[in-house]
Every structure is written in C-alpha cells, then in structure tokens.
Amino acid sequence: MNTYYFILASKKFLLEEEPIEEMLRERTNFYLNHNMEPDFWIMEDTSKIINKDKNIPKNFTNSLAIVSTNKTFIDWMKLRITHVYMGKIQDPNLNLESSIIY
C-alpha cells in the first residue's frame, strides 16, 4: 500500500502568502541535478485527501495540497510553512495524475 504525506492549506495562503514557488523550484532543481524523479505533486482537487483523513477540519474549502511519498520533504515543508495541516494517507489506488497541477 502506498503512503502519501501531505500539507494542506488554503489556496490563497499557499499561493499568495507563502513563498512555495521558490521552495518547489529549489526542490525540482535538486531532483534534476541528481537525476532523480520528482516524488511530489501539487493537488488542486483535495477532496480525495480530505475524504481519507478524518482528522482534517470539515471547513477546509478552497484548499491546495502538496503531496509526496517522501516524509522528510513534507516535514521540511511543514517547518518552512508553519500554518498548514500535515498528515498522511494510505491508498493503493490514489490517482494523483488526475488532480495534479504540477
């Protein structure tokens, strides 16, 4: 079973108030420089995550998620962006490609 780690916050917070573009660009360059495949995704449709993690407050609407199979990366993102929800889900059939914006 695949385990996905994530941070979740409002789109406005992640896209306008936090420098995630710079952080994700640095991470992408790291992968390219080390000939590694990226293991993170930005999800605009967070309903799959919200439906699987029962601890997420139900008022999370208009949210964005950064999802990865790399727990260390998500821990690092949480340290850099403090006002986010962090969690994990296990799902063998989570189709990330259908809801990716990166």
PDB file of N, CA and C in Angstrom:
ATOM      1  N   MET A   1       0.843  -1.177   0.000  1.00  0.00           N
ATOM      2  CA  MET A   1       0.000   0.000   0.000  1.00  0.00           C
ATOM      3  C   MET A   1       0.890   1.242   0.000  1.00  0.00           C
ATOM      4  N   ASN A   2       0.527   2.206  -0.794  1.00  0.00           N
ATOM      5  CA  ASN A   2       1.293   3.447  -0.900  1.00  0.00           C
ATOM      6  C   ASN A   2       0.917   4.411   0.222  1.00  0.00           C
ATOM      7  N   THR A   3       1.930   5.026   0.816  1.00  0.00           N
ATOM      8  CA  THR A   3       1.708   6.052   1.831  1.00  0.00           C
ATOM      9  C   THR A   3       2.076   7.399   1.231  1.00  0.00           C
ATOM     10  N   TYR A   4       1.161   8.335   1.347  1.00  0.00           N
ATOM     11  CA  TYR A   4       1.362   9.687   0.851  1.00  0.00           C
ATOM     12  C   TYR A   4       1.312  10.650   2.031  1.00  0.00           C
ATOM     13  N   TYR A   5       2.303  11.501   2.115  1.00  0.00           N
ATOM     14  CA  TYR A   5       2.377  12.530   3.151  1.00  0.00           C
ATOM     15  C   TYR A   5       1.995  13.853   2.504  1.00  0.00           C
ATOM     16  N   PHE A   6       1.378  14.735   3.270  1.00  0.00           N
ATOM     17  CA  PHE A   6       0.899  15.974   2.649  1.00  0.00           C
ATOM     18  C   PHE A   6       0.839  17.114   3.644  1.00  0.00           C
ATOM     19  N   ILE A   7       0.864  18.317   3.076  1.00  0.00           N
ATOM     20  CA  ILE A   7       0.474  19.512   3.810  1.00  0.00           C
ATOM     21  C   ILE A   7      -0.718  20.091   3.069  1.00  0.00           C
ATOM     22  N   LEU A   8      -1.604  20.693   3.817  1.00  0.00           N
ATOM     23  CA  LEU A   8      -2.852  21.202   3.262  1.00  0.00           C
ATOM     24  C   LEU A   8      -3.114  22.576   3.854  1.00  0.00           C
ATOM     25  N   ALA A   9      -3.487  23.510   2.999  1.00  0.00           N
ATOM     26  CA  ALA A   9      -3.840  24.863   3.449  1.00  0.00           C
ATOM     27  C   ALA A   9      -4.701  25.504   2.377  1.00  0.00           C
ATOM     28  N   SER A  10      -5.157  26.694   2.651  1.00  0.00           N
ATOM     29  CA  SER A  10      -5.975  27.385   1.655  1.00  0.00           C
ATOM     30  C   SER A  10      -5.103  27.755   0.450  1.00  0.00           C
ATOM     31  N   LYS A  11      -5.734  27.788  -0.706  1.00  0.00           N
ATOM     32  CA  LYS A  11      -5.006  28.180  -1.925  1.00  0.00           C
ATOM     33  C   LYS A  11      -4.412  29.569  -1.772  1.00  0.00           C
ATOM     34  N   LYS A  12      -5.199  30.464  -1.234  1.00  0.00           N
ATOM     35  CA  LYS A  12      -4.720  31.838  -1.068  1.00  0.00           C
ATOM     36  C   LYS A  12      -3.465  31.879  -0.200  1.00  0.00           C
ATOM     37  N   PHE A  13      -3.476  31.151   0.897  1.00  0.00           N
ATOM     38  CA  PHE A  13      -2.324  31.143   1.793  1.00  0.00           C
ATOM     39  C   PHE A  13      -1.085  30.579   1.099  1.00  0.00           C
ATOM     40  N   LEU A  14      -1.232  29.425   0.449  1.00  0.00           N
ATOM     41  CA  LEU A  14      -0.066  28.792  -0.174  1.00  0.00           C
ATOM     42  C   LEU A  14       0.424  29.514  -1.421  1.00  0.00           C
ATOM     43  N   LEU A  15      -0.485  30.078  -2.193  1.00  0.00           N
ATOM     44  CA  LEU A  15      -0.082  30.693  -3.459  1.00  0.00           C
ATOM     45  C   LEU A  15       0.257  32.178  -3.358  1.00  0.00           C
ATOM     46  N   GLU A  16      -0.312  32.862  -2.375  1.00  0.00           N
ATOM     47  CA  GLU A  16      -0.101  34.301  -2.305  1.00  0.00           C
ATOM     48  C   GLU A  16       0.705  34.753  -1.080  1.00  0.00           C
ATOM     49  N   GLU A  17       0.586  34.026   0.018  1.00  0.00           N
ATOM     50  CA  GLU A  17       1.205  34.494   1.251  1.00  0.00           C
ATOM     51  C   GLU A  17       2.500  33.784   1.604  1.00  0.00           C
ATOM     52  N   GLU A  18       2.762  32.638   1.013  1.00  0.00           N
ATOM     53  CA  GLU A  18       3.971  31.872   1.310  1.00  0.00           C
ATOM     54  C   GLU A  18       4.808  31.692   0.042  1.00  0.00           C
ATOM     55  N   PRO A  19       6.111  31.624   0.176  1.00  0.00           N
ATOM     56  CA  PRO A  19       6.990  31.504  -0.999  1.00  0.00           C
ATOM     57  C   PRO A  19       7.134  30.055  -1.490  1.00  0.00           C
ATOM     58  N   ILE A  20       6.023  29.343  -1.686  1.00  0.00           N
ATOM     59  CA  ILE A  20       6.163  27.933  -2.072  1.00  0.00           C
ATOM     60  C   ILE A  20       6.741  27.774  -3.471  1.00  0.00           C
ATOM     61  N   GLU A  21       6.517  28.758  -4.335  1.00  0.00           N
ATOM     62  CA  GLU A  21       7.081  28.651  -5.688  1.00  0.00           C
ATOM     63  C   GLU A  21       8.599  28.497  -5.607  1.00  0.00           C
ATOM     64  N   GLU A  22       9.239  29.311  -4.798  1.00  0.00           N
ATOM     65  CA  GLU A  22      10.690  29.247  -4.645  1.00  0.00           C
ATOM     66  C   GLU A  22      11.126  27.911  -4.046  1.00  0.00           C
ATOM     67  N   MET A  23      10.413  27.452  -3.021  1.00  0.00           N
ATOM     68  CA  MET A  23      10.754  26.184  -2.375  1.00  0.00           C
ATOM     69  C   MET A  23      10.621  25.010  -3.343  1.00  0.00           C
ATOM     70  N   LEU A  24       9.544  24.999  -4.115  1.00  0.00           N
ATOM     71  CA  LEU A  24       9.326  23.901  -5.054  1.00  0.00           C
ATOM     72  C   LEU A  24      10.293  23.978  -6.227  1.00  0.00           C
ATOM     73  N   ARG A  25      10.661  25.178  -6.632  1.00  0.00           N
ATOM     74  CA  ARG A  25      11.661  25.328  -7.700  1.00  0.00           C
ATOM     75  C   ARG A  25      13.009  24.786  -7.234  1.00  0.00           C
ATOM     76  N   GLU A  26      13.396  25.105  -6.001  1.00  0.00           N
ATOM     77  CA  GLU A  26      14.647  24.587  -5.441  1.00  0.00           C
ATOM     78  C   GLU A  26      14.620  23.063  -5.375  1.00  0.00           C
ATOM     79  N   ARG A  27      13.492  22.513  -4.954  1.00  0.00           N
ATOM     80  CA  ARG A  27      13.368  21.055  -4.842  1.00  0.00           C
ATOM     81  C   ARG A  27      13.423  20.401  -6.222  1.00  0.00           C
ATOM     82  N   THR A  28      12.759  21.009  -7.198  1.00  0.00           N
ATOM     83  CA  THR A  28      12.789  20.478  -8.559  1.00  0.00           C
ATOM     84  C   THR A  28      14.208  20.507  -9.110  1.00  0.00           C
ATOM     85  N   ASN A  29      14.922  21.590  -8.896  1.00  0.00           N
ATOM     86  CA  ASN A  29      16.315  21.671  -9.349  1.00  0.00           C
ATOM     87  C   ASN A  29      17.189  20.618  -8.672  1.00  0.00           C
ATOM     88  N   PHE A  30      16.946  20.367  -7.391  1.00  0.00           N
ATOM     89  CA  PHE A  30      17.686  19.325  -6.688  1.00  0.00           C
ATOM     90  C   PHE A  30      17.490  17.976  -7.384  1.00  0.00           C
ATOM     91  N   TYR A  31      16.247  17.646  -7.696  1.00  0.00           N
ATOM     92  CA  TYR A  31      15.961  16.373  -8.372  1.00  0.00           C
ATOM     93  C   TYR A  31      16.622  16.315  -9.740  1.00  0.00           C
ATOM     94  N   LEU A  32      16.527  17.384 -10.486  1.00  0.00           N
ATOM     95  CA  LEU A  32      17.143  17.404 -11.818  1.00  0.00           C
ATOM     96  C   LEU A  32      18.657  17.245 -11.740  1.00  0.00           C
ATOM     97  N   ASN A  33      19.288  17.931 -10.797  1.00  0.00           N
ATOM     98  CA  ASN A  33      20.739  17.860 -10.647  1.00  0.00           C
ATOM     99  C   ASN A  33      21.232  16.493 -10.185  1.00  0.00           C
ATOM    100  N   HIS A  34      20.354  15.726  -9.540  1.00  0.00           N
ATOM    101  CA  HIS A  34      20.730  14.400  -9.043  1.00  0.00           C
ATOM    102  C   HIS A  34      20.091  13.273  -9.860  1.00  0.00           C
ATOM    103  N   ASN A  35      19.571  13.618 -11.029  1.00  0.00           N
ATOM    104  CA  ASN A  35      18.936  12.634 -11.924  1.00  0.00           C
ATOM    105  C   ASN A  35      17.895  11.785 -11.204  1.00  0.00           C
ATOM    106  N   MET A  36      17.065  12.455 -10.425  1.00  0.00           N
ATOM    107  CA  MET A  36      16.016  11.781  -9.664  1.00  0.00           C
ATOM    108  C   MET A  36      14.654  12.197 -10.211  1.00  0.00           C
ATOM    109  N   GLU A  37      13.714  11.278 -10.125  1.00  0.00           N
ATOM    110  CA  GLU A  37      12.332  11.589 -10.497  1.00  0.00           C
ATOM    111  C   GLU A  37      11.668  12.337  -9.344  1.00  0.00           C
ATOM    112  N   PRO A  38      10.941  13.411  -9.624  1.00  0.00           N
ATOM    113  CA  PRO A  38      10.217  14.108  -8.553  1.00  0.00           C
ATOM    114  C   PRO A  38       9.229  13.170  -7.866  1.00  0.00           C
ATOM    115  N   ASP A  39       9.113  13.306  -6.567  1.00  0.00           N
ATOM    116  CA  ASP A  39       8.182  12.484  -5.796  1.00  0.00           C
ATOM    117  C   ASP A  39       7.194  13.356  -5.028  1.00  0.00           C
ATOM    118  N   PHE A  40       6.880  14.507  -5.623  1.00  0.00           N
ATOM    119  CA  PHE A  40       5.887  15.374  -5.002  1.00  0.00           C
ATOM    120  C   PHE A  40       4.970  15.943  -6.065  1.00  0.00           C
ATOM    121  N   TRP A  41       3.770  16.284  -5.623  1.00  0.00           N
ATOM    122  CA  TRP A  41       2.746  16.797  -6.517  1.00  0.00           C
ATOM    123  C   TRP A  41       1.996  17.908  -5.812  1.00  0.00           C
ATOM    124  N   ILE A  42       1.460  18.832  -6.596  1.00  0.00           N
ATOM    125  CA  ILE A  42       0.577  19.860  -6.069  1.00  0.00           C
ATOM    126  C   ILE A  42      -0.828  19.488  -6.531  1.00  0.00           C
ATOM    127  N   MET A  43      -1.716  19.337  -5.583  1.00  0.00           N
ATOM    128  CA  MET A  43      -3.088  18.931  -5.904  1.00  0.00           C
ATOM    129  C   MET A  43      -4.053  20.071  -5.646  1.00  0.00           C
ATOM    130  N   GLU A  44      -4.799  20.404  -6.682  1.00  0.00           N
ATOM    131  CA  GLU A  44      -5.826  21.429  -6.542  1.00  0.00           C
ATOM    132  C   GLU A  44      -7.128  20.804  -6.035  1.00  0.00           C
ATOM    133  N   ASP A  45      -7.420  19.600  -6.490  1.00  0.00           N
ATOM    134  CA  ASP A  45      -8.614  18.894  -6.016  1.00  0.00           C
ATOM    135  C   ASP A  45      -8.215  18.076  -4.796  1.00  0.00           C
ATOM    136  N   THR A  46      -8.468  18.608  -3.633  1.00  0.00           N
ATOM    137  CA  THR A  46      -8.034  17.962  -2.389  1.00  0.00           C
ATOM    138  C   THR A  46      -9.111  17.066  -1.779  1.00  0.00           C
ATOM    139  N   SER A  47     -10.207  16.882  -2.479  1.00  0.00           N
ATOM    140  CA  SER A  47     -11.314  16.093  -1.922  1.00  0.00           C
ATOM    141  C   SER A  47     -10.894  14.659  -1.606  1.00  0.00           C
ATOM    142  N   LYS A  48     -10.006  14.066  -2.401  1.00  0.00           N
ATOM    143  CA  LYS A  48      -9.548  12.693  -2.133  1.00  0.00           C
ATOM    144  C   LYS A  48      -8.817  12.614  -0.804  1.00  0.00           C
ATOM    145  N   ILE A  49      -8.010  13.616  -0.523  1.00  0.00           N
ATOM    146  CA  ILE A  49      -7.269  13.640   0.741  1.00  0.00           C
ATOM    147  C   ILE A  49      -8.220  13.926   1.896  1.00  0.00           C
ATOM    148  N   ILE A  50      -9.065  14.909   1.738  1.00  0.00           N
ATOM    149  CA  ILE A  50      -9.989  15.289   2.806  1.00  0.00           C
ATOM    150  C   ILE A  50     -10.914  14.130   3.157  1.00  0.00           C
ATOM    151  N   ASN A  51     -11.348  13.370   2.161  1.00  0.00           N
ATOM    152  CA  ASN A  51     -12.237  12.236   2.420  1.00  0.00           C
ATOM    153  C   ASN A  51     -11.528  11.076   3.104  1.00  0.00           C
ATOM    154  N   LYS A  52     -10.225  10.955   2.932  1.00  0.00           N
ATOM    155  CA  LYS A  52      -9.473   9.841   3.525  1.00  0.00           C
ATOM    156  C   LYS A  52      -8.965  10.153   4.928  1.00  0.00           C
ATOM    157  N   ASP A  53      -8.694  11.404   5.232  1.00  0.00           N
ATOM    158  CA  ASP A  53      -8.154  11.792   6.540  1.00  0.00           C
ATOM    159  C   ASP A  53      -9.283  12.416   7.357  1.00  0.00           C
ATOM    160  N   LYS A  54      -9.791  11.663   8.287  1.00  0.00           N
ATOM    161  CA  LYS A  54     -10.952  12.105   9.081  1.00  0.00           C
ATOM    162  C   LYS A  54     -10.594  13.185  10.100  1.00  0.00           C
ATOM    163  N   ASN A  55      -9.300  13.481  10.285  1.00  0.00           N
ATOM    164  CA  ASN A  55      -8.876  14.500  11.257  1.00  0.00           C
ATOM    165  C   ASN A  55      -8.868  15.912  10.671  1.00  0.00           C
ATOM    166  N   ILE A  56      -9.000  16.019   9.361  1.00  0.00           N
ATOM    167  CA  ILE A  56      -8.990  17.340   8.727  1.00  0.00           C
ATOM    168  C   ILE A  56     -10.298  18.052   9.050  1.00  0.00           C
ATOM    169  N   PRO A  57     -10.227  19.278   9.520  1.00  0.00           N
ATOM    170  CA  PRO A  57     -11.460  20.029   9.793  1.00  0.00           C
ATOM    171  C   PRO A  57     -12.318  20.134   8.532  1.00  0.00           C
ATOM    172  N   LYS A  58     -13.601  19.981   8.698  1.00  0.00           N
ATOM    173  CA  LYS A  58     -14.524  19.979   7.554  1.00  0.00           C
ATOM    174  C   LYS A  58     -14.649  21.343   6.882  1.00  0.00           C
ATOM    175  N   ASN A  59     -14.167  22.395   7.524  1.00  0.00           N
ATOM    176  CA  ASN A  59     -14.263  23.724   6.917  1.00  0.00           C
ATOM    177  C   ASN A  59     -13.111  23.999   5.950  1.00  0.00           C
ATOM    178  N   PHE A  60     -12.313  22.991   5.628  1.00  0.00           N
ATOM    179  CA  PHE A  60     -11.228  23.164   4.658  1.00  0.00           C
ATOM    180  C   PHE A  60     -11.829  23.182   3.257  1.00  0.00           C
ATOM    181  N   THR A  61     -12.152  24.371   2.803  1.00  0.00           N
ATOM    182  CA  THR A  61     -12.653  24.520   1.440  1.00  0.00           C
ATOM    183  C   THR A  61     -11.672  25.393   0.677  1.00  0.00           C
ATOM    184  N   ASN A  62     -11.689  25.249  -0.627  1.00  0.00           N
ATOM    185  CA  ASN A  62     -10.785  26.014  -1.482  1.00  0.00           C
ATOM    186  C   ASN A  62      -9.333  25.825  -1.034  1.00  0.00           C
ATOM    187  N   SER A  63      -8.951  24.567  -0.854  1.00  0.00           N
ATOM    188  CA  SER A  63      -7.615  24.255  -0.346  1.00  0.00           C
ATOM    189  C   SER A  63      -6.708  23.714  -1.448  1.00  0.00           C
ATOM    190  N   LEU A  64      -5.450  23.634  -1.111  1.00  0.00           N
ATOM    191  CA  LEU A  64      -4.407  23.137  -2.001  1.00  0.00           C
ATOM    192  C   LEU A  64      -3.541  22.201  -1.166  1.00  0.00           C
ATOM    193  N   ALA A  65      -3.021  21.133  -1.783  1.00  0.00           N
ATOM    194  CA  ALA A  65      -2.176  20.192  -1.053  1.00  0.00           C
ATOM    195  C   ALA A  65      -0.868  19.990  -1.799  1.00  0.00           C
ATOM    196  N   ILE A  66       0.183  19.830  -1.044  1.00  0.00           N
ATOM    197  CA  ILE A  66       1.460  19.375  -1.578  1.00  0.00           C
ATOM    198  C   ILE A  66       1.614  17.964  -1.031  1.00  0.00           C
ATOM    199  N   VAL A  67       1.697  17.011  -1.939  1.00  0.00           N
ATOM    200  CA  VAL A  67       1.691  15.590  -1.600  1.00  0.00           C
ATOM    201  C   VAL A  67       3.013  14.974  -2.028  1.00  0.00           C
ATOM    202  N   SER A  68       3.531  14.061  -1.216  1.00  0.00           N
ATOM    203  CA  SER A  68       4.787  13.390  -1.548  1.00  0.00           C
ATOM    204  C   SER A  68       4.827  12.005  -0.925  1.00  0.00           C
ATOM    205  N   THR A  69       5.632  11.143  -1.504  1.00  0.00           N
ATOM    206  CA  THR A  69       5.916   9.851  -0.890  1.00  0.00           C
ATOM    207  C   THR A  69       7.111   9.970   0.049  1.00  0.00           C
ATOM    208  N   ASN A  70       7.716  11.144   0.101  1.00  0.00           N
ATOM    209  CA  ASN A  70       8.910  11.401   0.897  1.00  0.00           C
ATOM    210  C   ASN A  70       8.522  12.159   2.175  1.00  0.00           C
ATOM    211  N   LYS A  71       8.463  11.466   3.294  1.00  0.00           N
ATOM    212  CA  LYS A  71       8.056  12.075   4.555  1.00  0.00           C
ATOM    213  C   LYS A  71       8.995  13.211   4.975  1.00  0.00           C
ATOM    214  N   THR A  72      10.279  13.045   4.742  1.00  0.00           N
ATOM    215  CA  THR A  72      11.252  14.068   5.117  1.00  0.00           C
ATOM    216  C   THR A  72      10.980  15.376   4.394  1.00  0.00           C
ATOM    217  N   PHE A  73      10.619  15.306   3.118  1.00  0.00           N
ATOM    218  CA  PHE A  73      10.298  16.506   2.350  1.00  0.00           C
ATOM    219  C   PHE A  73       9.082  17.220   2.935  1.00  0.00           C
ATOM    220  N   ILE A  74       8.042  16.475   3.267  1.00  0.00           N
ATOM    221  CA  ILE A  74       6.835  17.089   3.837  1.00  0.00           C
ATOM    222  C   ILE A  74       7.128  17.654   5.225  1.00  0.00           C
ATOM    223  N   ASP A  75       7.937  16.957   6.023  1.00  0.00           N
ATOM    224  CA  ASP A  75       8.343  17.513   7.323  1.00  0.00           C
ATOM    225  C   ASP A  75       9.076  18.832   7.133  1.00  0.00           C
ATOM    226  N   TRP A  76       9.959  18.887   6.153  1.00  0.00           N
ATOM    227  CA  TRP A  76      10.716  20.109   5.853  1.00  0.00           C
ATOM    228  C   TRP A  76       9.775  21.232   5.419  1.00  0.00           C
ATOM    229  N   MET A  77       8.782  20.898   4.567  1.00  0.00           N
ATOM    230  CA  MET A  77       7.809  21.909   4.135  1.00  0.00           C
ATOM    231  C   MET A  77       7.027  22.438   5.331  1.00  0.00           C
ATOM    232  N   LYS A  78       6.639  21.555   6.243  1.00  0.00           N
ATOM    233  CA  LYS A  78       5.882  21.964   7.433  1.00  0.00           C
ATOM    234  C   LYS A  78       6.719  22.908   8.307  1.00  0.00           C
ATOM    235  N   LEU A  79       8.016  22.650   8.391  1.00  0.00           N
ATOM    236  CA  LEU A  79       8.876  23.548   9.160  1.00  0.00           C
ATOM    237  C   LEU A  79       8.995  24.920   8.504  1.00  0.00           C
ATOM    238  N   ARG A  80       8.996  24.952   7.196  1.00  0.00           N
ATOM    239  CA  ARG A  80       9.099  26.215   6.460  1.00  0.00           C
ATOM    240  C   ARG A  80       7.778  26.974   6.425  1.00  0.00           C
ATOM    241  N   ILE A  81       6.672  26.245   6.368  1.00  0.00           N
ATOM    242  CA  ILE A  81       5.335  26.848   6.282  1.00  0.00           C
ATOM    243  C   ILE A  81       4.559  26.367   7.503  1.00  0.00           C
ATOM    244  N   THR A  82       4.522  27.149   8.523  1.00  0.00           N
ATOM    245  CA  THR A  82       4.013  26.656   9.801  1.00  0.00           C
ATOM    246  C   THR A  82       2.496  26.522   9.886  1.00  0.00           C
ATOM    247  N   HIS A  83       1.754  27.339   9.196  1.00  0.00           N
ATOM    248  CA  HIS A  83       0.299  27.354   9.358  1.00  0.00           C
ATOM    249  C   HIS A  83      -0.396  26.481   8.317  1.00  0.00           C
ATOM    250  N   VAL A  84      -0.067  25.190   8.341  1.00  0.00           N
ATOM    251  CA  VAL A  84      -0.679  24.227   7.433  1.00  0.00           C
ATOM    252  C   VAL A  84      -1.062  22.985   8.229  1.00  0.00           C
ATOM    253  N   TYR A  85      -1.968  22.205   7.662  1.00  0.00           N
ATOM    254  CA  TYR A  85      -2.304  20.911   8.243  1.00  0.00           C
ATOM    255  C   TYR A  85      -1.387  19.882   7.601  1.00  0.00           C
ATOM    256  N   MET A  86      -0.779  19.022   8.411  1.00  0.00           N
ATOM    257  CA  MET A  86       0.098  17.977   7.889  1.00  0.00           C
ATOM    258  C   MET A  86      -0.504  16.631   8.253  1.00  0.00           C
ATOM    259  N   GLY A  87      -0.456  15.712   7.293  1.00  0.00           N
ATOM    260  CA  GLY A  87      -0.994  14.391   7.559  1.00  0.00           C
ATOM    261  C   GLY A  87      -0.453  13.364   6.594  1.00  0.00           C
ATOM    262  N   LYS A  88      -1.022  12.172   6.675  1.00  0.00           N
ATOM    263  CA  LYS A  88      -0.656  11.115   5.746  1.00  0.00           C
ATOM    264  C   LYS A  88      -1.874  10.260   5.485  1.00  0.00           C
ATOM    265  N   ILE A  89      -1.899   9.689   4.310  1.00  0.00           N
ATOM    266  CA  ILE A  89      -2.950   8.747   3.960  1.00  0.00           C
ATOM    267  C   ILE A  89      -2.296   7.548   3.286  1.00  0.00           C
ATOM    268  N   GLN A  90      -2.969   6.427   3.391  1.00  0.00           N
ATOM    269  CA  GLN A  90      -2.519   5.231   2.692  1.00  0.00           C
ATOM    270  C   GLN A  90      -3.613   4.854   1.710  1.00  0.00           C
ATOM    271  N   ASP A  91      -3.205   4.692   0.463  1.00  0.00           N
ATOM    272  CA  ASP A  91      -4.174   4.373  -0.570  1.00  0.00           C
ATOM    273  C   ASP A  91      -3.453   3.702  -1.733  1.00  0.00           C
ATOM    274  N   PRO A  92      -3.823   2.476  -2.060  1.00  0.00           N
ATOM    275  CA  PRO A  92      -3.166   1.808  -3.188  1.00  0.00           C
ATOM    276  C   PRO A  92      -3.621   2.346  -4.537  1.00  0.00           C
ATOM    277  N   ASN A  93      -4.741   3.054  -4.552  1.00  0.00           N
ATOM    278  CA  ASN A  93      -5.326   3.496  -5.819  1.00  0.00           C
ATOM    279  C   ASN A  93      -5.456   5.003  -5.950  1.00  0.00           C
ATOM    280  N   LEU A  94      -4.734   5.754  -5.163  1.00  0.00           N
ATOM    281  CA  LEU A  94      -4.826   7.215  -5.256  1.00  0.00           C
ATOM    282  C   LEU A  94      -4.254   7.646  -6.597  1.00  0.00           C
ATOM    283  N   ASN A  95      -5.104   8.191  -7.432  1.00  0.00           N
ATOM    284  CA  ASN A  95      -4.702   8.599  -8.776  1.00  0.00           C
ATOM    285  C   ASN A  95      -4.326  10.068  -8.739  1.00  0.00           C
ATOM    286  N   LEU A  96      -3.073  10.340  -8.459  1.00  0.00           N
ATOM    287  CA  LEU A  96      -2.621  11.718  -8.340  1.00  0.00           C
ATOM    288  C   LEU A  96      -2.639  12.435  -9.677  1.00  0.00           C
ATOM    289  N   GLU A  97      -2.399  11.732 -10.760  1.00  0.00           N
ATOM    290  CA  GLU A  97      -2.301  12.378 -12.074  1.00  0.00           C
ATOM    291  C   GLU A  97      -3.584  13.116 -12.452  1.00  0.00           C
ATOM    292  N   SER A  98      -4.730  12.652 -11.968  1.00  0.00           N
ATOM    293  CA  SER A  98      -5.991  13.285 -12.356  1.00  0.00           C
ATOM    294  C   SER A  98      -6.221  14.628 -11.647  1.00  0.00           C
ATOM    295  N   SER A  99      -5.469  14.900 -10.603  1.00  0.00           N
ATOM    296  CA  SER A  99      -5.706  16.153  -9.874  1.00  0.00           C
ATOM    297  C   SER A  99      -4.448  16.966  -9.660  1.00  0.00           C
ATOM    298  N   ILE A 100      -3.446  16.707 -10.447  1.00  0.00           N
ATOM    299  CA  ILE A 100      -2.166  17.423 -10.305  1.00  0.00           C
ATOM    300  C   ILE A 100      -2.203  18.739 -11.058  1.00  0.00           C
ATOM    301  N   ILE A 101      -1.620  19.768 -10.453  1.00  0.00           N
ATOM    302  CA  ILE A 101      -1.401  20.996 -11.200  1.00  0.00           C
ATOM    303  C   ILE A 101       0.087  21.224 -11.408  1.00  0.00           C
ATOM    304  N   TYR A 102       0.941  20.374 -10.848  1.00  0.00           N
ATOM    305  CA  TYR A 102       2.373  20.406 -11.147  1.00  0.00           C
ATOM    306  C   TYR A 102       2.750  19.055 -11.642  1.00  0.00           C
TER     307      TYR A 102
END
